[in-house]
């Protein structure tokens, strides 16, 4: 099964992708992870990526599609795939469809994680992460059991993203609405869209996704 998790920043796509990886053996293709791995790989594609990133330029769609093509031809291509962070635009969606068709593959479903923007701003601005193990917390909805101590590993070091403030979050949501939200209509027209409530409890969202995907 090949799927896309679609939703604005902070909707919980990464959390649900990890669930699908752990429970159903799917492989998560994260654009960021692929770019970092390619940069350090020493391959021809990797040198292109390293050059672009060294200049501070945006990586082109052609390069990202090339990296995805390598994954489809490799070990990851033998498993179901979760596309994380791609596509972001209609042009990228068309390119992904063309690549999958070329490889004899198909996109099975697109899971839209619907959210209320004000609630999402509250979720993002209140979150913080254990610097050691990466466990995610929230000031109001998921504080540490013991103040200042990670529940998982016992670390006392935590970090917050510098852009997890209301002004920055609103800017990121605006960019999502302009560039990526049109994909909802695009995939609905193709009969691929499955919508879930992205602001529920993690286990409840995971269950709803399983139901929508028939897992």
C-alpha atoms as a PDB file:
ATOM      1  CA  UNK A   1       0.000   0.000   0.000  1.00  0.00           C
ATOM      2  CA  UNK A   2       1.348   3.432  -0.990  1.00  0.00           C
ATOM      3  CA  UNK A   3      -0.115   6.405   0.837  1.00  0.00           C
ATOM      4  CA  UNK A   4       0.344  10.136   1.417  1.00  0.00           C
ATOM      5  CA  UNK A   5      -0.276  11.774   4.787  1.00  0.00           C
ATOM      6  CA  UNK A   6      -1.571  15.258   4.077  1.00  0.00           C
ATOM      7  CA  UNK A   7      -2.051  18.041   6.591  1.00  0.00           C
ATOM      8  CA  UNK A   8      -0.628  21.330   7.857  1.00  0.00           C
ATOM      9  CA  UNK A   9       2.493  21.643  10.041  1.00  0.00           C
ATOM     10  CA  UNK A  10       1.835  20.205  13.487  1.00  0.00           C
ATOM     11  CA  UNK A  11      -1.106  18.039  12.420  1.00  0.00           C
ATOM     12  CA  UNK A  12       0.694  14.923  13.643  1.00  0.00           C
ATOM     13  CA  UNK A  13       1.672  13.372  10.316  1.00  0.00           C
ATOM     14  CA  UNK A  14       5.047  12.212  11.627  1.00  0.00           C
ATOM     15  CA  UNK A  15       3.518  10.550  14.680  1.00  0.00           C
ATOM     16  CA  UNK A  16       0.976   8.645  12.614  1.00  0.00           C
ATOM     17  CA  UNK A  17       3.577   7.720  10.000  1.00  0.00           C
ATOM     18  CA  UNK A  18       5.682   6.101  12.737  1.00  0.00           C
ATOM     19  CA  UNK A  19       2.626   4.131  13.881  1.00  0.00           C
ATOM     20  CA  UNK A  20       2.051   2.811  10.357  1.00  0.00           C
ATOM     21  CA  UNK A  21       5.715   1.883  10.050  1.00  0.00           C
ATOM     22  CA  UNK A  22       5.737   0.015  13.371  1.00  0.00           C
ATOM     23  CA  UNK A  23       2.366  -1.705  13.056  1.00  0.00           C
ATOM     24  CA  UNK A  24       2.101  -2.466   9.348  1.00  0.00           C
ATOM     25  CA  UNK A  25       5.650  -2.595   8.011  1.00  0.00           C
ATOM     26  CA  UNK A  26       5.265   0.391   5.707  1.00  0.00           C
ATOM     27  CA  UNK A  27       8.341   2.462   4.835  1.00  0.00           C
ATOM     28  CA  UNK A  28       8.300   6.206   5.527  1.00  0.00           C
ATOM     29  CA  UNK A  29       9.862   8.329   2.808  1.00  0.00           C
ATOM     30  CA  UNK A  30      10.669  11.669   4.387  1.00  0.00           C
ATOM     31  CA  UNK A  31      11.891  14.304   1.939  1.00  0.00           C
ATOM     32  CA  UNK A  32      14.196  15.807   4.546  1.00  0.00           C
ATOM     33  CA  UNK A  33      15.702  12.455   5.509  1.00  0.00           C
ATOM     34  CA  UNK A  34      16.243  11.506   1.853  1.00  0.00           C
ATOM     35  CA  UNK A  35      18.000  14.792   1.124  1.00  0.00           C
ATOM     36  CA  UNK A  36      20.314  14.458   4.133  1.00  0.00           C
ATOM     37  CA  UNK A  37      21.137  10.850   3.256  1.00  0.00           C
ATOM     38  CA  UNK A  38      21.779  11.746  -0.386  1.00  0.00           C
ATOM     39  CA  UNK A  39      24.053  14.651   0.580  1.00  0.00           C
ATOM     40  CA  UNK A  40      26.276  12.251   2.504  1.00  0.00           C
ATOM     41  CA  UNK A  41      26.108   9.336   0.059  1.00  0.00           C
ATOM     42  CA  UNK A  42      28.828  10.362  -2.390  1.00  0.00           C
ATOM     43  CA  UNK A  43      26.670   9.364  -5.382  1.00  0.00           C
ATOM     44  CA  UNK A  44      26.129  11.580  -8.409  1.00  0.00           C
ATOM     45  CA  UNK A  45      22.668  12.510  -7.141  1.00  0.00           C
ATOM     46  CA  UNK A  46      24.148  13.109  -3.710  1.00  0.00           C
ATOM     47  CA  UNK A  47      26.705  15.534  -5.129  1.00  0.00           C
ATOM     48  CA  UNK A  48      23.919  17.466  -6.846  1.00  0.00           C
ATOM     49  CA  UNK A  49      22.007  17.684  -3.588  1.00  0.00           C
ATOM     50  CA  UNK A  50      25.093  18.727  -1.613  1.00  0.00           C
ATOM     51  CA  UNK A  51      25.894  21.449  -4.155  1.00  0.00           C
ATOM     52  CA  UNK A  52      22.374  22.872  -4.068  1.00  0.00           C
ATOM     53  CA  UNK A  53      22.195  22.802  -0.272  1.00  0.00           C
ATOM     54  CA  UNK A  54      25.672  24.345   0.048  1.00  0.00           C
ATOM     55  CA  UNK A  55      24.480  27.294  -2.043  1.00  0.00           C
ATOM     56  CA  UNK A  56      21.413  27.644   0.151  1.00  0.00           C
ATOM     57  CA  UNK A  57      19.111  27.107  -2.823  1.00  0.00           C
ATOM     58  CA  UNK A  58      15.860  25.150  -2.787  1.00  0.00           C
ATOM     59  CA  UNK A  59      16.173  21.588  -4.034  1.00  0.00           C
ATOM     60  CA  UNK A  60      14.301  21.249  -7.324  1.00  0.00           C
ATOM     61  CA  UNK A  61      11.341  18.945  -7.839  1.00  0.00           C
ATOM     62  CA  UNK A  62      13.388  16.966 -10.365  1.00  0.00           C
ATOM     63  CA  UNK A  63      15.986  16.132  -7.733  1.00  0.00           C
ATOM     64  CA  UNK A  64      13.372  15.036  -5.179  1.00  0.00           C
ATOM     65  CA  UNK A  65      11.606  12.897  -7.786  1.00  0.00           C
ATOM     66  CA  UNK A  66      14.992  11.381  -8.650  1.00  0.00           C
ATOM     67  CA  UNK A  67      15.573  10.475  -5.006  1.00  0.00           C
ATOM     68  CA  UNK A  68      12.113   8.913  -4.744  1.00  0.00           C
ATOM     69  CA  UNK A  69      12.816   6.937  -7.932  1.00  0.00           C
ATOM     70  CA  UNK A  70      15.972   5.529  -6.302  1.00  0.00           C
ATOM     71  CA  UNK A  71      13.922   4.457  -3.277  1.00  0.00           C
ATOM     72  CA  UNK A  72      11.313   2.773  -5.475  1.00  0.00           C
ATOM     73  CA  UNK A  73      14.064   0.826  -7.249  1.00  0.00           C
ATOM     74  CA  UNK A  74      15.704  -0.161  -3.965  1.00  0.00           C
ATOM     75  CA  UNK A  75      14.719  -2.081  -0.866  1.00  0.00           C
ATOM     76  CA  UNK A  76      12.085   0.462   0.182  1.00  0.00           C
ATOM     77  CA  UNK A  77      10.212  -0.137  -3.053  1.00  0.00           C
ATOM     78  CA  UNK A  78       9.414  -3.698  -1.976  1.00  0.00           C
ATOM     79  CA  UNK A  79       7.257  -2.461   0.880  1.00  0.00           C
ATOM     80  CA  UNK A  80       4.295  -0.130   1.162  1.00  0.00           C
ATOM     81  CA  UNK A  81       5.367   3.513   1.194  1.00  0.00           C
ATOM     82  CA  UNK A  82       4.287   6.550   3.184  1.00  0.00           C
ATOM     83  CA  UNK A  83       5.154   9.829   1.484  1.00  0.00           C
ATOM     84  CA  UNK A  84       5.970  12.416   4.145  1.00  0.00           C
ATOM     85  CA  UNK A  85       6.567  16.030   3.095  1.00  0.00           C
ATOM     86  CA  UNK A  86       5.948  15.332  -0.580  1.00  0.00           C
ATOM     87  CA  UNK A  87       4.080  16.311  -2.643  1.00  0.00           C
ATOM     88  CA  UNK A  88       3.519  19.879  -1.509  1.00  0.00           C
ATOM     89  CA  UNK A  89       2.204  21.370  -4.752  1.00  0.00           C
ATOM     90  CA  UNK A  90       0.000  20.306  -7.660  1.00  0.00           C
ATOM     91  CA  UNK A  91       3.047  20.137  -9.939  1.00  0.00           C
ATOM     92  CA  UNK A  92       4.754  17.753  -7.509  1.00  0.00           C
ATOM     93  CA  UNK A  93       1.596  15.638  -7.293  1.00  0.00           C
ATOM     94  CA  UNK A  94       1.538  15.291 -11.083  1.00  0.00           C
ATOM     95  CA  UNK A  95       5.232  14.374 -11.094  1.00  0.00           C
ATOM     96  CA  UNK A  96       4.716  11.736  -8.390  1.00  0.00           C
ATOM     97  CA  UNK A  97       1.782  10.199 -10.278  1.00  0.00           C
ATOM     98  CA  UNK A  98       3.905  10.008 -13.430  1.00  0.00           C
ATOM     99  CA  UNK A  99       6.824   8.409 -11.560  1.00  0.00           C
ATOM    100  CA  UNK A 100       4.642   5.792  -9.884  1.00  0.00           C
ATOM    101  CA  UNK A 101       3.039   4.921 -13.226  1.00  0.00           C
ATOM    102  CA  UNK A 102       6.492   4.600 -14.804  1.00  0.00           C
ATOM    103  CA  UNK A 103       7.520   2.178 -12.052  1.00  0.00           C
ATOM    104  CA  UNK A 104       4.315   0.157 -12.343  1.00  0.00           C
ATOM    105  CA  UNK A 105       3.121   1.397  -8.964  1.00  0.00           C
ATOM    106  CA  UNK A 106       0.067   3.325  -7.854  1.00  0.00           C
ATOM    107  CA  UNK A 107      -1.019   5.590  -5.026  1.00  0.00           C
ATOM    108  CA  UNK A 108      -3.654   3.792  -2.946  1.00  0.00           C
ATOM    109  CA  UNK A 109      -4.877   6.566  -0.667  1.00  0.00           C
ATOM    110  CA  UNK A 110      -4.253  10.067   0.640  1.00  0.00           C
ATOM    111  CA  UNK A 111      -5.071  10.584   4.314  1.00  0.00           C
ATOM    112  CA  UNK A 112      -6.034  14.185   5.055  1.00  0.00           C
ATOM    113  CA  UNK A 113      -5.558  15.105   8.709  1.00  0.00           C
ATOM    114  CA  UNK A 114      -8.163  17.824   9.221  1.00  0.00           C
ATOM    115  CA  UNK A 115      -7.499  20.394  11.946  1.00  0.00           C
ATOM    116  CA  UNK A 116      -8.921  23.598  13.379  1.00  0.00           C
ATOM    117  CA  UNK A 117      -6.236  26.244  12.878  1.00  0.00           C
ATOM    118  CA  UNK A 118      -6.663  27.984  16.251  1.00  0.00           C
ATOM    119  CA  UNK A 119      -6.450  24.642  18.044  1.00  0.00           C
ATOM    120  CA  UNK A 120      -3.418  23.757  15.956  1.00  0.00           C
ATOM    121  CA  UNK A 121      -1.658  26.991  16.927  1.00  0.00           C
ATOM    122  CA  UNK A 122      -2.246  26.107  20.582  1.00  0.00           C
ATOM    123  CA  UNK A 123      -0.873  22.608  20.004  1.00  0.00           C
ATOM    124  CA  UNK A 124       2.307  23.792  18.291  1.00  0.00           C
ATOM    125  CA  UNK A 125       3.155  26.750  20.520  1.00  0.00           C
ATOM    126  CA  UNK A 126       2.868  24.597  23.630  1.00  0.00           C
ATOM    127  CA  UNK A 127       5.005  21.669  22.517  1.00  0.00           C
ATOM    128  CA  UNK A 128       8.532  20.849  23.627  1.00  0.00           C
ATOM    129  CA  UNK A 129      10.806  17.862  23.078  1.00  0.00           C
ATOM    130  CA  UNK A 130      13.246  15.854  25.131  1.00  0.00           C
ATOM    131  CA  UNK A 131      16.698  16.732  23.813  1.00  0.00           C
ATOM    132  CA  UNK A 132      17.963  13.189  24.465  1.00  0.00           C
ATOM    133  CA  UNK A 133      15.267  10.744  23.269  1.00  0.00           C
ATOM    134  CA  UNK A 134      12.980  13.003  21.214  1.00  0.00           C
ATOM    135  CA  UNK A 135       9.789  12.352  23.198  1.00  0.00           C
ATOM    136  CA  UNK A 136       7.307  15.177  22.523  1.00  0.00           C
ATOM    137  CA  UNK A 137       5.396  16.953  25.293  1.00  0.00           C
ATOM    138  CA  UNK A 138       2.939  19.846  25.598  1.00  0.00           C
ATOM    139  CA  UNK A 139       2.676  22.473  28.317  1.00  0.00           C
ATOM    140  CA  UNK A 140      -1.061  21.904  28.816  1.00  0.00           C
ATOM    141  CA  UNK A 141      -2.121  18.586  27.301  1.00  0.00           C
ATOM    142  CA  UNK A 142       0.962  16.422  27.888  1.00  0.00           C
ATOM    143  CA  UNK A 143       3.307  17.770  30.550  1.00  0.00           C
ATOM    144  CA  UNK A 144       6.024  15.586  32.031  1.00  0.00           C
ATOM    145  CA  UNK A 145       4.845  13.524  35.015  1.00  0.00           C
ATOM    146  CA  UNK A 146       7.658  15.032  37.096  1.00  0.00           C
ATOM    147  CA  UNK A 147       8.385  18.659  36.385  1.00  0.00           C
ATOM    148  CA  UNK A 148      11.520  19.022  34.257  1.00  0.00           C
ATOM    149  CA  UNK A 149      12.182  15.273  33.862  1.00  0.00           C
ATOM    150  CA  UNK A 150      11.489  13.225  30.739  1.00  0.00           C
ATOM    151  CA  UNK A 151       9.049  10.373  31.406  1.00  0.00           C
ATOM    152  CA  UNK A 152      10.858   8.089  28.947  1.00  0.00           C
ATOM    153  CA  UNK A 153      14.583   8.496  29.546  1.00  0.00           C
ATOM    154  CA  UNK A 154      14.881  10.681  32.652  1.00  0.00           C
ATOM    155  CA  UNK A 155      16.719  13.494  30.884  1.00  0.00           C
ATOM    156  CA  UNK A 156      16.326  17.016  32.211  1.00  0.00           C
ATOM    157  CA  UNK A 157      17.175  18.708  28.914  1.00  0.00           C
ATOM    158  CA  UNK A 158      14.340  19.900  26.677  1.00  0.00           C
ATOM    159  CA  UNK A 159      14.165  21.988  23.527  1.00  0.00           C
ATOM    160  CA  UNK A 160      11.566  24.094  21.746  1.00  0.00           C
ATOM    161  CA  UNK A 161      11.710  24.984  18.068  1.00  0.00           C
ATOM    162  CA  UNK A 162      12.559  28.656  17.636  1.00  0.00           C
ATOM    163  CA  UNK A 163       9.699  29.035  15.149  1.00  0.00           C
ATOM    164  CA  UNK A 164       7.077  27.425  17.422  1.00  0.00           C
ATOM    165  CA  UNK A 165       5.524  30.800  18.230  1.00  0.00           C
ATOM    166  CA  UNK A 166       2.142  32.064  17.086  1.00  0.00           C
ATOM    167  CA  UNK A 167       3.421  34.501  14.454  1.00  0.00           C
ATOM    168  CA  UNK A 168       5.664  31.918  12.789  1.00  0.00           C
ATOM    169  CA  UNK A 169       3.006  29.206  12.979  1.00  0.00           C
ATOM    170  CA  UNK A 170       0.436  31.466  11.292  1.00  0.00           C
ATOM    171  CA  UNK A 171       2.935  32.154   8.498  1.00  0.00           C
ATOM    172  CA  UNK A 172       3.555  28.426   7.999  1.00  0.00           C
ATOM    173  CA  UNK A 173      -0.180  27.715   7.954  1.00  0.00           C
ATOM    174  CA  UNK A 174      -0.658  30.444   5.357  1.00  0.00           C
ATOM    175  CA  UNK A 175       1.985  28.865   3.150  1.00  0.00           C
ATOM    176  CA  UNK A 176       0.309  25.471   3.536  1.00  0.00           C
ATOM    177  CA  UNK A 177      -3.091  26.874   2.594  1.00  0.00           C
ATOM    178  CA  UNK A 178      -1.678  28.522  -0.523  1.00  0.00           C
ATOM    179  CA  UNK A 179       0.535  25.700  -1.771  1.00  0.00           C
ATOM    180  CA  UNK A 180      -0.579  22.382  -0.357  1.00  0.00           C
ATOM    181  CA  UNK A 181      -4.271  22.620   0.528  1.00  0.00           C
ATOM    182  CA  UNK A 182      -5.245  22.517  -3.201  1.00  0.00           C
ATOM    183  CA  UNK A 183      -4.034  18.897  -3.154  1.00  0.00           C
ATOM    184  CA  UNK A 184      -7.146  18.032  -1.122  1.00  0.00           C
ATOM    185  CA  UNK A 185      -9.381  18.768  -4.110  1.00  0.00           C
ATOM    186  CA  UNK A 186      -6.895  17.164  -6.488  1.00  0.00           C
ATOM    187  CA  UNK A 187      -6.926  13.822  -4.689  1.00  0.00           C
ATOM    188  CA  UNK A 188     -10.648  13.993  -3.916  1.00  0.00           C
ATOM    189  CA  UNK A 189     -11.314  14.211  -7.643  1.00  0.00           C
ATOM    190  CA  UNK A 190      -9.196  11.077  -8.122  1.00  0.00           C
ATOM    191  CA  UNK A 191     -11.163   9.202  -5.452  1.00  0.00           C
ATOM    192  CA  UNK A 192      -8.058   8.811  -3.270  1.00  0.00           C
ATOM    193  CA  UNK A 193      -8.877  11.132  -0.351  1.00  0.00           C
ATOM    194  CA  UNK A 194      -9.638   9.794   3.129  1.00  0.00           C
ATOM    195  CA  UNK A 195     -10.239  12.411   5.851  1.00  0.00           C
ATOM    196  CA  UNK A 196      -9.682  11.980   9.589  1.00  0.00           C
ATOM    197  CA  UNK A 197      -9.867  14.277  12.613  1.00  0.00           C
ATOM    198  CA  UNK A 198      -6.267  15.319  13.186  1.00  0.00           C
ATOM    199  CA  UNK A 199      -6.849  16.851  16.628  1.00  0.00           C
ATOM    200  CA  UNK A 200      -8.098  13.827  18.528  1.00  0.00           C
ATOM    201  CA  UNK A 201      -6.120  11.523  20.803  1.00  0.00           C
ATOM    202  CA  UNK A 202      -3.178   9.840  19.080  1.00  0.00           C
ATOM    203  CA  UNK A 203      -4.602   6.324  19.520  1.00  0.00           C
ATOM    204  CA  UNK A 204      -8.022   7.410  18.262  1.00  0.00           C
ATOM    205  CA  UNK A 205      -6.504   9.035  15.166  1.00  0.00           C
ATOM    206  CA  UNK A 206      -4.419   5.913  14.479  1.00  0.00           C
ATOM    207  CA  UNK A 207      -7.563   3.782  14.724  1.00  0.00           C
ATOM    208  CA  UNK A 208      -9.467   6.064  12.366  1.00  0.00           C
ATOM    209  CA  UNK A 209      -6.612   5.938   9.848  1.00  0.00           C
ATOM    210  CA  UNK A 210      -6.561   2.135  10.007  1.00  0.00           C
ATOM    211  CA  UNK A 211     -10.302   2.083   9.358  1.00  0.00           C
ATOM    212  CA  UNK A 212     -10.071   4.495   6.427  1.00  0.00           C
ATOM    213  CA  UNK A 213      -7.265   2.429   4.898  1.00  0.00           C
ATOM    214  CA  UNK A 214      -8.898  -0.922   5.594  1.00  0.00           C
ATOM    215  CA  UNK A 215      -5.956  -2.147   7.660  1.00  0.00           C
END
